[in-house]
Every structure is written in structure tokens, then in C-alpha cells.
Amino acid sequence: MMSTFALGQMQVRRSGYGAMQLAGPFAFGTPPDRASAIGVLRAAVAAGVDHIDTAQYYGPGVVNELIRDALYPYPGGLAIVSKVAVRPDGSGAVLPSGDPDRLRGASRTTCAACGPAGWQR
């Protein structure tokens, strides 16, 4: 049996799904095959993945929309976790961004992109 760990109020498996590669090249733009990207997300959850790692800057915004379109309404026990303390620069590099107002704004944007159900902030 795979071990679990606490993620907020949930217990999740140690292996989840990292959704960054669902966007276009270098995590920017749209995927070459949107239907396949949605299929990958659905297959991951069907195979027992109980947490998906994402970030609003993947795409930007594209991956969170794919997650919502593929999985909403979200099944019980699924955690969607997002990085909000970073931002992309113009060249595609990812920079730290810990400003409190930026963190609050990024959290709100992520929640709105992924849908209204069950978000813990």
C-alpha cells in the first residue's frame, strides 16, 4: 500500500500528478491536443491519483482551465494544489514573488480558474 501524508485536512498519496506538461512548450500556450490533455487528467484520476499539482502561470491559465474542464465537478478526495509564490518573467524564467497582495491575488485567480467547489485557502 502506498504511504500517505497530510495535505491540509486531507490525506493524500505521496505520488500525485504534475500538470505543468499539459500546457504548450515550456509550460506556455495551449496544448497541441486539448482532448488528449483532458483525457490524461481523467485517466490519472481514474488510476487513483488523488492530488494534482498546478500553477496559474502554466499556460498562463491554460492548465487550470483544462483541469476544470476535465474534472469539474471534482470527485471527493481529490486535492488540487497550486503554486502562487512565483511568477514568470518575459523570457519564461520563473521568479519568486512573495508580496502578500500578489499572493492573495494569485490565490483568487487560481480559485476562479479552477472552479468554485471545495477550495481551501
PDB file of N, CA and C in Angstrom:
ATOM      1  N   MET A   1       0.848  -1.187   0.000  1.00  0.00           N
ATOM      2  CA  MET A   1       0.000   0.000   0.000  1.00  0.00           C
ATOM      3  C   MET A   1       0.891   1.247   0.000  1.00  0.00           C
ATOM      4  N   MET A   2       0.527   2.209  -0.805  1.00  0.00           N
ATOM      5  CA  MET A   2       1.308   3.437  -0.905  1.00  0.00           C
ATOM      6  C   MET A   2       1.084   4.296   0.341  1.00  0.00           C
ATOM      7  N   SER A   3       2.158   4.885   0.847  1.00  0.00           N
ATOM      8  CA  SER A   3       2.033   5.718   2.037  1.00  0.00           C
ATOM      9  C   SER A   3       1.348   7.044   1.686  1.00  0.00           C
ATOM     10  N   THR A   4       0.771   7.646   2.708  1.00  0.00           N
ATOM     11  CA  THR A   4       0.079   8.921   2.534  1.00  0.00           C
ATOM     12  C   THR A   4       0.685   9.960   3.463  1.00  0.00           C
ATOM     13  N   PHE A   5       0.335  11.208   3.217  1.00  0.00           N
ATOM     14  CA  PHE A   5       0.750  12.291   4.102  1.00  0.00           C
ATOM     15  C   PHE A   5      -0.376  13.306   4.180  1.00  0.00           C
ATOM     16  N   ALA A   6      -0.315  14.135   5.209  1.00  0.00           N
ATOM     17  CA  ALA A   6      -1.338  15.161   5.412  1.00  0.00           C
ATOM     18  C   ALA A   6      -1.093  16.323   4.467  1.00  0.00           C
ATOM     19  N   LEU A   7      -2.151  16.732   3.799  1.00  0.00           N
ATOM     20  CA  LEU A   7      -2.150  17.918   2.950  1.00  0.00           C
ATOM     21  C   LEU A   7      -3.346  18.744   3.397  1.00  0.00           C
ATOM     22  N   GLY A   8      -3.078  19.721   4.255  1.00  0.00           N
ATOM     23  CA  GLY A   8      -4.180  20.436   4.883  1.00  0.00           C
ATOM     24  C   GLY A   8      -4.980  19.463   5.730  1.00  0.00           C
ATOM     25  N   GLN A   9      -6.268  19.388   5.473  1.00  0.00           N
ATOM     26  CA  GLN A   9      -7.143  18.487   6.221  1.00  0.00           C
ATOM     27  C   GLN A   9      -7.283  17.126   5.546  1.00  0.00           C
ATOM     28  N   MET A  10      -6.603  16.921   4.435  1.00  0.00           N
ATOM     29  CA  MET A  10      -6.731  15.683   3.669  1.00  0.00           C
ATOM     30  C   MET A  10      -5.511  14.789   3.854  1.00  0.00           C
ATOM     31  N   GLN A  11      -5.690  13.517   3.607  1.00  0.00           N
ATOM     32  CA  GLN A  11      -4.594  12.565   3.493  1.00  0.00           C
ATOM     33  C   GLN A  11      -4.482  12.217   2.010  1.00  0.00           C
ATOM     34  N   VAL A  12      -3.303  12.381   1.426  1.00  0.00           N
ATOM     35  CA  VAL A  12      -3.107  12.077   0.013  1.00  0.00           C
ATOM     36  C   VAL A  12      -1.913  11.138  -0.147  1.00  0.00           C
ATOM     37  N   ARG A  13      -1.883  10.441  -1.269  1.00  0.00           N
ATOM     38  CA  ARG A  13      -0.755   9.564  -1.578  1.00  0.00           C
ATOM     39  C   ARG A  13       0.482  10.409  -1.868  1.00  0.00           C
ATOM     40  N   ARG A  14       1.633   9.811  -1.692  1.00  0.00           N
ATOM     41  CA  ARG A  14       2.887  10.536  -1.933  1.00  0.00           C
ATOM     42  C   ARG A  14       3.093  10.865  -3.398  1.00  0.00           C
ATOM     43  N   SER A  15       2.522  10.086  -4.297  1.00  0.00           N
ATOM     44  CA  SER A  15       2.655  10.359  -5.731  1.00  0.00           C
ATOM     45  C   SER A  15       1.377  10.992  -6.246  1.00  0.00           C
ATOM     46  N   GLY A  16       1.524  12.148  -6.859  1.00  0.00           N
ATOM     47  CA  GLY A  16       0.399  12.835  -7.471  1.00  0.00           C
ATOM     48  C   GLY A  16       0.675  13.021  -8.948  1.00  0.00           C
ATOM     49  N   TYR A  17       0.003  13.981  -9.556  1.00  0.00           N
ATOM     50  CA  TYR A  17       0.199  14.270 -10.971  1.00  0.00           C
ATOM     51  C   TYR A  17       0.613  15.724 -11.121  1.00  0.00           C
ATOM     52  N   GLY A  18       1.744  15.965 -11.753  1.00  0.00           N
ATOM     53  CA  GLY A  18       2.220  17.309 -12.055  1.00  0.00           C
ATOM     54  C   GLY A  18       1.704  17.734 -13.411  1.00  0.00           C
ATOM     55  N   ALA A  19       0.857  18.750 -13.442  1.00  0.00           N
ATOM     56  CA  ALA A  19       0.136  19.119 -14.658  1.00  0.00           C
ATOM     57  C   ALA A  19       0.874  20.105 -15.566  1.00  0.00           C
ATOM     58  N   MET A  20       2.084  20.508 -15.205  1.00  0.00           N
ATOM     59  CA  MET A  20       2.788  21.520 -15.983  1.00  0.00           C
ATOM     60  C   MET A  20       2.917  21.137 -17.456  1.00  0.00           C
ATOM     61  N   GLN A  21       3.192  19.868 -17.736  1.00  0.00           N
ATOM     62  CA  GLN A  21       3.455  19.465 -19.109  1.00  0.00           C
ATOM     63  C   GLN A  21       2.210  19.486 -19.991  1.00  0.00           C
ATOM     64  N   LEU A  22       1.038  19.744 -19.436  1.00  0.00           N
ATOM     65  CA  LEU A  22      -0.177  19.798 -20.242  1.00  0.00           C
ATOM     66  C   LEU A  22      -0.273  21.069 -21.081  1.00  0.00           C
ATOM     67  N   ALA A  23       0.440  22.117 -20.701  1.00  0.00           N
ATOM     68  CA  ALA A  23       0.442  23.347 -21.499  1.00  0.00           C
ATOM     69  C   ALA A  23       1.339  23.137 -22.722  1.00  0.00           C
ATOM     70  N   GLY A  24       1.503  24.185 -23.493  1.00  0.00           N
ATOM     71  CA  GLY A  24       2.369  24.116 -24.664  1.00  0.00           C
ATOM     72  C   GLY A  24       3.836  24.054 -24.271  1.00  0.00           C
ATOM     73  N   PRO A  25       4.728  24.266 -25.231  1.00  0.00           N
ATOM     74  CA  PRO A  25       6.169  24.183 -24.967  1.00  0.00           C
ATOM     75  C   PRO A  25       6.600  25.098 -23.817  1.00  0.00           C
ATOM     76  N   PHE A  26       7.451  24.573 -22.957  1.00  0.00           N
ATOM     77  CA  PHE A  26       7.993  25.312 -21.812  1.00  0.00           C
ATOM     78  C   PHE A  26       6.897  25.828 -20.887  1.00  0.00           C
ATOM     79  N   ALA A  27       5.780  25.120 -20.842  1.00  0.00           N
ATOM     80  CA  ALA A  27       4.633  25.418 -19.976  1.00  0.00           C
ATOM     81  C   ALA A  27       3.896  26.691 -20.376  1.00  0.00           C
ATOM     82  N   PHE A  28       4.034  27.108 -21.628  1.00  0.00           N
ATOM     83  CA  PHE A  28       3.329  28.297 -22.113  1.00  0.00           C
ATOM     84  C   PHE A  28       2.483  27.945 -23.323  1.00  0.00           C
ATOM     85  N   GLY A  29       1.319  28.567 -23.413  1.00  0.00           N
ATOM     86  CA  GLY A  29       0.432  28.347 -24.543  1.00  0.00           C
ATOM     87  C   GLY A  29      -0.489  27.165 -24.331  1.00  0.00           C
ATOM     88  N   THR A  30      -1.178  26.823 -25.384  1.00  0.00           N
ATOM     89  CA  THR A  30      -2.152  25.743 -25.320  1.00  0.00           C
ATOM     90  C   THR A  30      -1.507  24.416 -25.713  1.00  0.00           C
ATOM     91  N   PRO A  31      -2.096  23.321 -25.258  1.00  0.00           N
ATOM     92  CA  PRO A  31      -1.532  22.020 -25.622  1.00  0.00           C
ATOM     93  C   PRO A  31      -1.768  21.733 -27.105  1.00  0.00           C
ATOM     94  N   PRO A  32      -0.921  20.937 -27.713  1.00  0.00           N
ATOM     95  CA  PRO A  32      -1.116  20.612 -29.119  1.00  0.00           C
ATOM     96  C   PRO A  32      -2.406  19.828 -29.361  1.00  0.00           C
ATOM     97  N   ASP A  33      -2.863  19.076 -28.360  1.00  0.00           N
ATOM     98  CA  ASP A  33      -4.080  18.279 -28.494  1.00  0.00           C
ATOM     99  C   ASP A  33      -4.877  18.391 -27.188  1.00  0.00           C
ATOM    100  N   ARG A  34      -5.824  19.319 -27.184  1.00  0.00           N
ATOM    101  CA  ARG A  34      -6.595  19.602 -25.970  1.00  0.00           C
ATOM    102  C   ARG A  34      -7.359  18.378 -25.478  1.00  0.00           C
ATOM    103  N   ALA A  35      -7.961  17.646 -26.389  1.00  0.00           N
ATOM    104  CA  ALA A  35      -8.740  16.464 -25.998  1.00  0.00           C
ATOM    105  C   ALA A  35      -7.851  15.427 -25.325  1.00  0.00           C
ATOM    106  N   SER A  36      -6.628  15.258 -25.808  1.00  0.00           N
ATOM    107  CA  SER A  36      -5.711  14.311 -25.173  1.00  0.00           C
ATOM    108  C   SER A  36      -5.306  14.780 -23.783  1.00  0.00           C
ATOM    109  N   ALA A  37      -5.091  16.087 -23.617  1.00  0.00           N
ATOM    110  CA  ALA A  37      -4.731  16.627 -22.303  1.00  0.00           C
ATOM    111  C   ALA A  37      -5.856  16.371 -21.302  1.00  0.00           C
ATOM    112  N   ILE A  38      -7.079  16.582 -21.716  1.00  0.00           N
ATOM    113  CA  ILE A  38      -8.229  16.311 -20.844  1.00  0.00           C
ATOM    114  C   ILE A  38      -8.302  14.822 -20.534  1.00  0.00           C
ATOM    115  N   GLY A  39      -8.036  14.000 -21.532  1.00  0.00           N
ATOM    116  CA  GLY A  39      -8.035  12.554 -21.328  1.00  0.00           C
ATOM    117  C   GLY A  39      -6.978  12.103 -20.334  1.00  0.00           C
ATOM    118  N   VAL A  40      -5.801  12.729 -20.383  1.00  0.00           N
ATOM    119  CA  VAL A  40      -4.729  12.394 -19.438  1.00  0.00           C
ATOM    120  C   VAL A  40      -5.170  12.704 -18.012  1.00  0.00           C
ATOM    121  N   LEU A  41      -5.773  13.848 -17.795  1.00  0.00           N
ATOM    122  CA  LEU A  41      -6.235  14.207 -16.450  1.00  0.00           C
ATOM    123  C   LEU A  41      -7.286  13.226 -15.942  1.00  0.00           C
ATOM    124  N   ARG A  42      -8.227  12.886 -16.793  1.00  0.00           N
ATOM    125  CA  ARG A  42      -9.283  11.946 -16.382  1.00  0.00           C
ATOM    126  C   ARG A  42      -8.698  10.568 -16.097  1.00  0.00           C
ATOM    127  N   ALA A  43      -7.752  10.136 -16.927  1.00  0.00           N
ATOM    128  CA  ALA A  43      -7.125   8.833 -16.720  1.00  0.00           C
ATOM    129  C   ALA A  43      -6.317   8.808 -15.421  1.00  0.00           C
ATOM    130  N   ALA A  44      -5.637   9.916 -15.124  1.00  0.00           N
ATOM    131  CA  ALA A  44      -4.851   9.981 -13.890  1.00  0.00           C
ATOM    132  C   ALA A  44      -5.752   9.793 -12.673  1.00  0.00           C
ATOM    133  N   VAL A  45      -6.859  10.508 -12.636  1.00  0.00           N
ATOM    134  CA  VAL A  45      -7.785  10.390 -11.502  1.00  0.00           C
ATOM    135  C   VAL A  45      -8.402   8.992 -11.468  1.00  0.00           C
ATOM    136  N   ALA A  46      -8.764   8.453 -12.621  1.00  0.00           N
ATOM    137  CA  ALA A  46      -9.332   7.102 -12.678  1.00  0.00           C
ATOM    138  C   ALA A  46      -8.338   6.060 -12.176  1.00  0.00           C
ATOM    139  N   ALA A  47      -7.038   6.334 -12.361  1.00  0.00           N
ATOM    140  CA  ALA A  47      -5.996   5.409 -11.912  1.00  0.00           C
ATOM    141  C   ALA A  47      -5.662   5.565 -10.429  1.00  0.00           C
ATOM    142  N   GLY A  48      -6.306   6.514  -9.753  1.00  0.00           N
ATOM    143  CA  GLY A  48      -6.103   6.660  -8.320  1.00  0.00           C
ATOM    144  C   GLY A  48      -5.314   7.876  -7.887  1.00  0.00           C
ATOM    145  N   VAL A  49      -4.921   8.749  -8.820  1.00  0.00           N
ATOM    146  CA  VAL A  49      -4.245   9.978  -8.424  1.00  0.00           C
ATOM    147  C   VAL A  49      -5.207  10.799  -7.574  1.00  0.00           C
ATOM    148  N   ASP A  50      -4.738  11.241  -6.405  1.00  0.00           N
ATOM    149  CA  ASP A  50      -5.625  11.994  -5.519  1.00  0.00           C
ATOM    150  C   ASP A  50      -5.172  13.425  -5.283  1.00  0.00           C
ATOM    151  N   HIS A  51      -4.077  13.844  -5.939  1.00  0.00           N
ATOM    152  CA  HIS A  51      -3.725  15.265  -5.924  1.00  0.00           C
ATOM    153  C   HIS A  51      -3.004  15.636  -7.205  1.00  0.00           C
ATOM    154  N   ILE A  52      -3.371  16.823  -7.697  1.00  0.00           N
ATOM    155  CA  ILE A  52      -2.823  17.357  -8.938  1.00  0.00           C
ATOM    156  C   ILE A  52      -2.132  18.668  -8.601  1.00  0.00           C
ATOM    157  N   ASP A  53      -0.886  18.778  -9.031  1.00  0.00           N
ATOM    158  CA  ASP A  53      -0.091  19.982  -8.816  1.00  0.00           C
ATOM    159  C   ASP A  53      -0.202  20.867 -10.054  1.00  0.00           C
ATOM    160  N   THR A  54      -0.507  22.138  -9.848  1.00  0.00           N
ATOM    161  CA  THR A  54      -0.673  23.071 -10.947  1.00  0.00           C
ATOM    162  C   THR A  54      -0.156  24.448 -10.534  1.00  0.00           C
ATOM    163  N   ALA A  55      -0.243  25.386 -11.441  1.00  0.00           N
ATOM    164  CA  ALA A  55       0.057  26.793 -11.158  1.00  0.00           C
ATOM    165  C   ALA A  55      -0.638  27.632 -12.223  1.00  0.00           C
ATOM    166  N   GLN A  56      -1.120  28.788 -11.836  1.00  0.00           N
ATOM    167  CA  GLN A  56      -1.827  29.657 -12.771  1.00  0.00           C
ATOM    168  C   GLN A  56      -0.915  30.114 -13.915  1.00  0.00           C
ATOM    169  N   TYR A  57       0.397  30.150 -13.682  1.00  0.00           N
ATOM    170  CA  TYR A  57       1.283  30.598 -14.751  1.00  0.00           C
ATOM    171  C   TYR A  57       1.560  29.518 -15.791  1.00  0.00           C
ATOM    172  N   TYR A  58       1.055  28.290 -15.598  1.00  0.00           N
ATOM    173  CA  TYR A  58       1.170  27.282 -16.647  1.00  0.00           C
ATOM    174  C   TYR A  58       0.169  27.624 -17.741  1.00  0.00           C
ATOM    175  N   GLY A  59       0.656  28.091 -18.812  1.00  0.00           N
ATOM    176  CA  GLY A  59      -0.218  28.447 -19.929  1.00  0.00           C
ATOM    177  C   GLY A  59      -0.043  29.882 -20.393  1.00  0.00           C
ATOM    178  N   PRO A  60      -0.178  30.904 -19.657  1.00  0.00           N
ATOM    179  CA  PRO A  60      -0.750  31.016 -18.311  1.00  0.00           C
ATOM    180  C   PRO A  60      -2.267  30.812 -18.307  1.00  0.00           C
ATOM    181  N   GLY A  61      -2.723  30.171 -17.278  1.00  0.00           N
ATOM    182  CA  GLY A  61      -4.143  29.909 -17.079  1.00  0.00           C
ATOM    183  C   GLY A  61      -4.660  28.680 -17.792  1.00  0.00           C
ATOM    184  N   VAL A  62      -3.946  28.213 -18.783  1.00  0.00           N
ATOM    185  CA  VAL A  62      -4.427  27.121 -19.622  1.00  0.00           C
ATOM    186  C   VAL A  62      -4.606  25.829 -18.835  1.00  0.00           C
ATOM    187  N   VAL A  63      -3.630  25.456 -18.028  1.00  0.00           N
ATOM    188  CA  VAL A  63      -3.691  24.176 -17.330  1.00  0.00           C
ATOM    189  C   VAL A  63      -4.821  24.164 -16.311  1.00  0.00           C
ATOM    190  N   ASN A  64      -5.033  25.247 -15.587  1.00  0.00           N
ATOM    191  CA  ASN A  64      -6.132  25.268 -14.625  1.00  0.00           C
ATOM    192  C   ASN A  64      -7.478  25.141 -15.331  1.00  0.00           C
ATOM    193  N   GLU A  65      -7.613  25.728 -16.502  1.00  0.00           N
ATOM    194  CA  GLU A  65      -8.856  25.579 -17.272  1.00  0.00           C
ATOM    195  C   GLU A  65      -9.024  24.133 -17.740  1.00  0.00           C
ATOM    196  N   LEU A  66      -7.943  23.496 -18.151  1.00  0.00           N
ATOM    197  CA  LEU A  66      -8.016  22.083 -18.542  1.00  0.00           C
ATOM    198  C   LEU A  66      -8.458  21.220 -17.364  1.00  0.00           C
ATOM    199  N   ILE A  67      -7.880  21.476 -16.200  1.00  0.00           N
ATOM    200  CA  ILE A  67      -8.255  20.717 -15.002  1.00  0.00           C
ATOM    201  C   ILE A  67      -9.743  20.884 -14.729  1.00  0.00           C
ATOM    202  N   ARG A  68     -10.221  22.118 -14.761  1.00  0.00           N
ATOM    203  CA  ARG A  68     -11.649  22.373 -14.524  1.00  0.00           C
ATOM    204  C   ARG A  68     -12.506  21.666 -15.573  1.00  0.00           C
ATOM    205  N   ASP A  69     -12.152  21.805 -16.842  1.00  0.00           N
ATOM    206  CA  ASP A  69     -12.967  21.215 -17.903  1.00  0.00           C
ATOM    207  C   ASP A  69     -12.949  19.687 -17.863  1.00  0.00           C
ATOM    208  N   ALA A  70     -11.838  19.108 -17.430  1.00  0.00           N
ATOM    209  CA  ALA A  70     -11.726  17.655 -17.385  1.00  0.00           C
ATOM    210  C   ALA A  70     -12.401  17.047 -16.165  1.00  0.00           C
ATOM    211  N   LEU A  71     -12.340  17.718 -15.031  1.00  0.00           N
ATOM    212  CA  LEU A  71     -12.675  17.062 -13.773  1.00  0.00           C
ATOM    213  C   LEU A  71     -13.806  17.688 -12.969  1.00  0.00           C
ATOM    214  N   TYR A  72     -14.226  18.900 -13.293  1.00  0.00           N
ATOM    215  CA  TYR A  72     -15.287  19.550 -12.515  1.00  0.00           C
ATOM    216  C   TYR A  72     -16.639  18.967 -12.887  1.00  0.00           C
ATOM    217  N   PRO A  73     -17.513  18.635 -11.959  1.00  0.00           N
ATOM    218  CA  PRO A  73     -17.336  18.770 -10.525  1.00  0.00           C
ATOM    219  C   PRO A  73     -16.313  17.756 -10.010  1.00  0.00           C
ATOM    220  N   TYR A  74     -15.463  18.234  -9.128  1.00  0.00           N
ATOM    221  CA  TYR A  74     -14.337  17.435  -8.655  1.00  0.00           C
ATOM    222  C   TYR A  74     -14.801  16.280  -7.779  1.00  0.00           C
ATOM    223  N   PRO A  75     -14.207  15.105  -7.993  1.00  0.00           N
ATOM    224  CA  PRO A  75     -14.575  13.969  -7.138  1.00  0.00           C
ATOM    225  C   PRO A  75     -14.089  14.181  -5.710  1.00  0.00           C
ATOM    226  N   GLY A  76     -14.812  13.617  -4.759  1.00  0.00           N
ATOM    227  CA  GLY A  76     -14.386  13.688  -3.372  1.00  0.00           C
ATOM    228  C   GLY A  76     -13.004  13.078  -3.215  1.00  0.00           C
ATOM    229  N   GLY A  77     -12.198  13.663  -2.366  1.00  0.00           N
ATOM    230  CA  GLY A  77     -10.866  13.142  -2.110  1.00  0.00           C
ATOM    231  C   GLY A  77      -9.796  13.623  -3.068  1.00  0.00           C
ATOM    232  N   LEU A  78     -10.161  14.445  -4.057  1.00  0.00           N
ATOM    233  CA  LEU A  78      -9.167  14.988  -4.988  1.00  0.00           C
ATOM    234  C   LEU A  78      -8.711  16.358  -4.496  1.00  0.00           C
ATOM    235  N   ALA A  79      -7.397  16.530  -4.356  1.00  0.00           N
ATOM    236  CA  ALA A  79      -6.831  17.821  -3.974  1.00  0.00           C
ATOM    237  C   ALA A  79      -6.151  18.429  -5.201  1.00  0.00           C
ATOM    238  N   ILE A  80      -6.435  19.674  -5.442  1.00  0.00           N
ATOM    239  CA  ILE A  80      -5.735  20.414  -6.490  1.00  0.00           C
ATOM    240  C   ILE A  80      -4.891  21.444  -5.766  1.00  0.00           C
ATOM    241  N   VAL A  81      -3.581  21.327  -5.934  1.00  0.00           N
ATOM    242  CA  VAL A  81      -2.650  22.200  -5.228  1.00  0.00           C
ATOM    243  C   VAL A  81      -1.962  23.107  -6.229  1.00  0.00           C
ATOM    244  N   SER A  82      -1.753  24.351  -5.855  1.00  0.00           N
ATOM    245  CA  SER A  82      -1.212  25.327  -6.784  1.00  0.00           C
ATOM    246  C   SER A  82      -0.099  26.146  -6.152  1.00  0.00           C
ATOM    247  N   LYS A  83       0.867  26.457  -6.957  1.00  0.00           N
ATOM    248  CA  LYS A  83       1.952  27.346  -6.532  1.00  0.00           C
ATOM    249  C   LYS A  83       1.529  28.784  -6.854  1.00  0.00           C
ATOM    250  N   VAL A  84       1.631  29.657  -5.865  1.00  0.00           N
ATOM    251  CA  VAL A  84       1.255  31.049  -6.091  1.00  0.00           C
ATOM    252  C   VAL A  84       2.373  32.024  -5.741  1.00  0.00           C
ATOM    253  N   ALA A  85       3.471  31.560  -5.201  1.00  0.00           N
ATOM    254  CA  ALA A  85       4.548  32.454  -4.765  1.00  0.00           C
ATOM    255  C   ALA A  85       5.622  32.625  -5.830  1.00  0.00           C
ATOM    256  N   VAL A  86       5.250  32.414  -7.078  1.00  0.00           N
ATOM    257  CA  VAL A  86       6.172  32.604  -8.194  1.00  0.00           C
ATOM    258  C   VAL A  86       5.427  33.283  -9.335  1.00  0.00           C
ATOM    259  N   ARG A  87       6.194  33.829 -10.250  1.00  0.00           N
ATOM    260  CA  ARG A  87       5.610  34.446 -11.446  1.00  0.00           C
ATOM    261  C   ARG A  87       6.600  34.282 -12.596  1.00  0.00           C
ATOM    262  N   PRO A  88       6.093  34.164 -13.821  1.00  0.00           N
ATOM    263  CA  PRO A  88       7.006  34.088 -14.958  1.00  0.00           C
ATOM    264  C   PRO A  88       7.469  35.487 -15.349  1.00  0.00           C
ATOM    265  N   ASP A  89       8.679  35.576 -15.889  1.00  0.00           N
ATOM    266  CA  ASP A  89       9.091  36.853 -16.470  1.00  0.00           C
ATOM    267  C   ASP A  89       8.913  36.764 -17.987  1.00  0.00           C
ATOM    268  N   GLY A  90       9.283  37.777 -18.698  1.00  0.00           N
ATOM    269  CA  GLY A  90       9.083  37.817 -20.140  1.00  0.00           C
ATOM    270  C   GLY A  90       9.843  36.760 -20.912  1.00  0.00           C
ATOM    271  N   SER A  91      10.900  36.223 -20.352  1.00  0.00           N
ATOM    272  CA  SER A  91      11.708  35.232 -21.063  1.00  0.00           C
ATOM    273  C   SER A  91      11.283  33.799 -20.766  1.00  0.00           C
ATOM    274  N   GLY A  92      10.340  33.617 -19.856  1.00  0.00           N
ATOM    275  CA  GLY A  92       9.911  32.281 -19.486  1.00  0.00           C
ATOM    276  C   GLY A  92      10.511  31.784 -18.188  1.00  0.00           C
ATOM    277  N   ALA A  93      11.439  32.542 -17.613  1.00  0.00           N
ATOM    278  CA  ALA A  93      12.005  32.156 -16.324  1.00  0.00           C
ATOM    279  C   ALA A  93      10.951  32.349 -15.230  1.00  0.00           C
ATOM    280  N   VAL A  94      11.074  31.586 -14.167  1.00  0.00           N
ATOM    281  CA  VAL A  94      10.150  31.691 -13.039  1.00  0.00           C
ATOM    282  C   VAL A  94      10.873  32.380 -11.897  1.00  0.00           C
ATOM    283  N   LEU A  95      10.265  33.447 -11.390  1.00  0.00           N
ATOM    284  CA  LEU A  95      10.872  34.261 -10.348  1.00  0.00           C
ATOM    285  C   LEU A  95      10.059  34.182  -9.064  1.00  0.00           C
ATOM    286  N   PRO A  96      10.715  34.261  -7.914  1.00  0.00           N
ATOM    287  CA  PRO A  96       9.958  34.297  -6.654  1.00  0.00           C
ATOM    288  C   PRO A  96       9.124  35.567  -6.562  1.00  0.00           C
ATOM    289  N   SER A  97       7.979  35.450  -5.947  1.00  0.00           N
ATOM    290  CA  SER A  97       7.087  36.591  -5.809  1.00  0.00           C
ATOM    291  C   SER A  97       6.279  36.418  -4.539  1.00  0.00           C
ATOM    292  N   GLY A  98       6.817  36.864  -3.406  1.00  0.00           N
ATOM    293  CA  GLY A  98       6.181  36.646  -2.114  1.00  0.00           C
ATOM    294  C   GLY A  98       5.421  37.821  -1.560  1.00  0.00           C
ATOM    295  N   ASP A  99       5.190  38.854  -2.348  1.00  0.00           N
ATOM    296  CA  ASP A  99       4.433  40.003  -1.882  1.00  0.00           C
ATOM    297  C   ASP A  99       3.030  39.553  -1.453  1.00  0.00           C
ATOM    298  N   PRO A 100       2.582  39.921  -0.244  1.00  0.00           N
ATOM    299  CA  PRO A 100       1.279  39.451   0.248  1.00  0.00           C
ATOM    300  C   PRO A 100       0.110  39.765  -0.684  1.00  0.00           C
ATOM    301  N   ASP A 101       0.084  40.961  -1.256  1.00  0.00           N
ATOM    302  CA  ASP A 101      -1.009  41.292  -2.175  1.00  0.00           C
ATOM    303  C   ASP A 101      -0.964  40.406  -3.419  1.00  0.00           C
ATOM    304  N   ARG A 102       0.229  40.141  -3.906  1.00  0.00           N
ATOM    305  CA  ARG A 102       0.392  39.254  -5.071  1.00  0.00           C
ATOM    306  C   ARG A 102      -0.061  37.840  -4.732  1.00  0.00           C
ATOM    307  N   LEU A 103       0.282  37.352  -3.544  1.00  0.00           N
ATOM    308  CA  LEU A 103      -0.129  36.014  -3.130  1.00  0.00           C
ATOM    309  C   LEU A 103      -1.653  35.900  -3.045  1.00  0.00           C
ATOM    310  N   ARG A 104      -2.293  36.900  -2.450  1.00  0.00           N
ATOM    311  CA  ARG A 104      -3.759  36.887  -2.356  1.00  0.00           C
ATOM    312  C   ARG A 104      -4.386  36.923  -3.748  1.00  0.00           C
ATOM    313  N   GLY A 105      -3.874  37.781  -4.603  1.00  0.00           N
ATOM    314  CA  GLY A 105      -4.408  37.880  -5.957  1.00  0.00           C
ATOM    315  C   GLY A 105      -4.218  36.599  -6.747  1.00  0.00           C
ATOM    316  N   ALA A 106      -3.046  35.995  -6.629  1.00  0.00           N
ATOM    317  CA  ALA A 106      -2.781  34.745  -7.343  1.00  0.00           C
ATOM    318  C   ALA A 106      -3.676  33.625  -6.831  1.00  0.00           C
ATOM    319  N   SER A 107      -3.923  33.602  -5.535  1.00  0.00           N
ATOM    320  CA  SER A 107      -4.822  32.587  -4.972  1.00  0.00           C
ATOM    321  C   SER A 107      -6.231  32.760  -5.502  1.00  0.00           C
ATOM    322  N   ARG A 108      -6.711  33.984  -5.545  1.00  0.00           N
ATOM    323  CA  ARG A 108      -8.065  34.253  -6.064  1.00  0.00           C
ATOM    324  C   ARG A 108      -8.162  33.875  -7.538  1.00  0.00           C
ATOM    325  N   THR A 109      -7.158  34.223  -8.318  1.00  0.00           N
ATOM    326  CA  THR A 109      -7.163  33.908  -9.745  1.00  0.00           C
ATOM    327  C   THR A 109      -7.184  32.399  -9.967  1.00  0.00           C
ATOM    328  N   THR A 110      -6.380  31.678  -9.207  1.00  0.00           N
ATOM    329  CA  THR A 110      -6.343  30.222  -9.335  1.00  0.00           C
ATOM    330  C   THR A 110      -7.688  29.612  -8.973  1.00  0.00           C
ATOM    331  N   CYS A 111      -8.271  30.052  -7.874  1.00  0.00           N
ATOM    332  CA  CYS A 111      -9.576  29.520  -7.467  1.00  0.00           C
ATOM    333  C   CYS A 111     -10.629  29.799  -8.522  1.00  0.00           C
ATOM    334  N   ALA A 112     -10.637  30.982  -9.075  1.00  0.00           N
ATOM    335  CA  ALA A 112     -11.629  31.325 -10.097  1.00  0.00           C
ATOM    336  C   ALA A 112     -11.416  30.484 -11.355  1.00  0.00           C
ATOM    337  N   ALA A 113     -10.176  30.231 -11.740  1.00  0.00           N
ATOM    338  CA  ALA A 113      -9.905  29.463 -12.950  1.00  0.00           C
ATOM    339  C   ALA A 113     -10.279  28.003 -12.808  1.00  0.00           C
ATOM    340  N   CYS A 114     -10.103  27.449 -11.628  1.00  0.00           N
ATOM    341  CA  CYS A 114     -10.356  26.013 -11.431  1.00  0.00           C
ATOM    342  C   CYS A 114     -11.798  25.708 -11.058  1.00  0.00           C
ATOM    343  N   GLY A 115     -12.560  26.702 -10.682  1.00  0.00           N
ATOM    344  CA  GLY A 115     -13.955  26.454 -10.358  1.00  0.00           C
ATOM    345  C   GLY A 115     -14.236  26.692  -8.890  1.00  0.00           C
ATOM    346  N   PRO A 116     -15.502  26.768  -8.553  1.00  0.00           N
ATOM    347  CA  PRO A 116     -15.908  27.224  -7.226  1.00  0.00           C
ATOM    348  C   PRO A 116     -15.948  26.178  -6.131  1.00  0.00           C
ATOM    349  N   ALA A 117     -15.796  24.921  -6.421  1.00  0.00           N
ATOM    350  CA  ALA A 117     -16.113  23.898  -5.416  1.00  0.00           C
ATOM    351  C   ALA A 117     -14.944  23.557  -4.508  1.00  0.00           C
ATOM    352  N   GLY A 118     -15.191  23.592  -3.222  1.00  0.00           N
ATOM    353  CA  GLY A 118     -14.317  22.968  -2.244  1.00  0.00           C
ATOM    354  C   GLY A 118     -12.929  23.541  -2.064  1.00  0.00           C
ATOM    355  N   TRP A 119     -12.709  24.780  -2.371  1.00  0.00           N
ATOM    356  CA  TRP A 119     -11.349  25.333  -2.230  1.00  0.00           C
ATOM    357  C   TRP A 119     -11.066  25.710  -0.800  1.00  0.00           C
ATOM    358  N   GLN A 120      -9.903  25.320  -0.347  1.00  0.00           N
ATOM    359  CA  GLN A 120      -9.408  25.735   0.966  1.00  0.00           C
ATOM    360  C   GLN A 120      -8.288  26.724   0.723  1.00  0.00           C
ATOM    361  N   ARG A 121      -8.377  27.874   1.334  1.00  0.00           N
ATOM    362  CA  ARG A 121      -7.354  28.896   1.117  1.00  0.00           C
ATOM    363  C   ARG A 121      -6.463  28.979   2.332  1.00  0.00           C
TER     364      ARG A 121
END
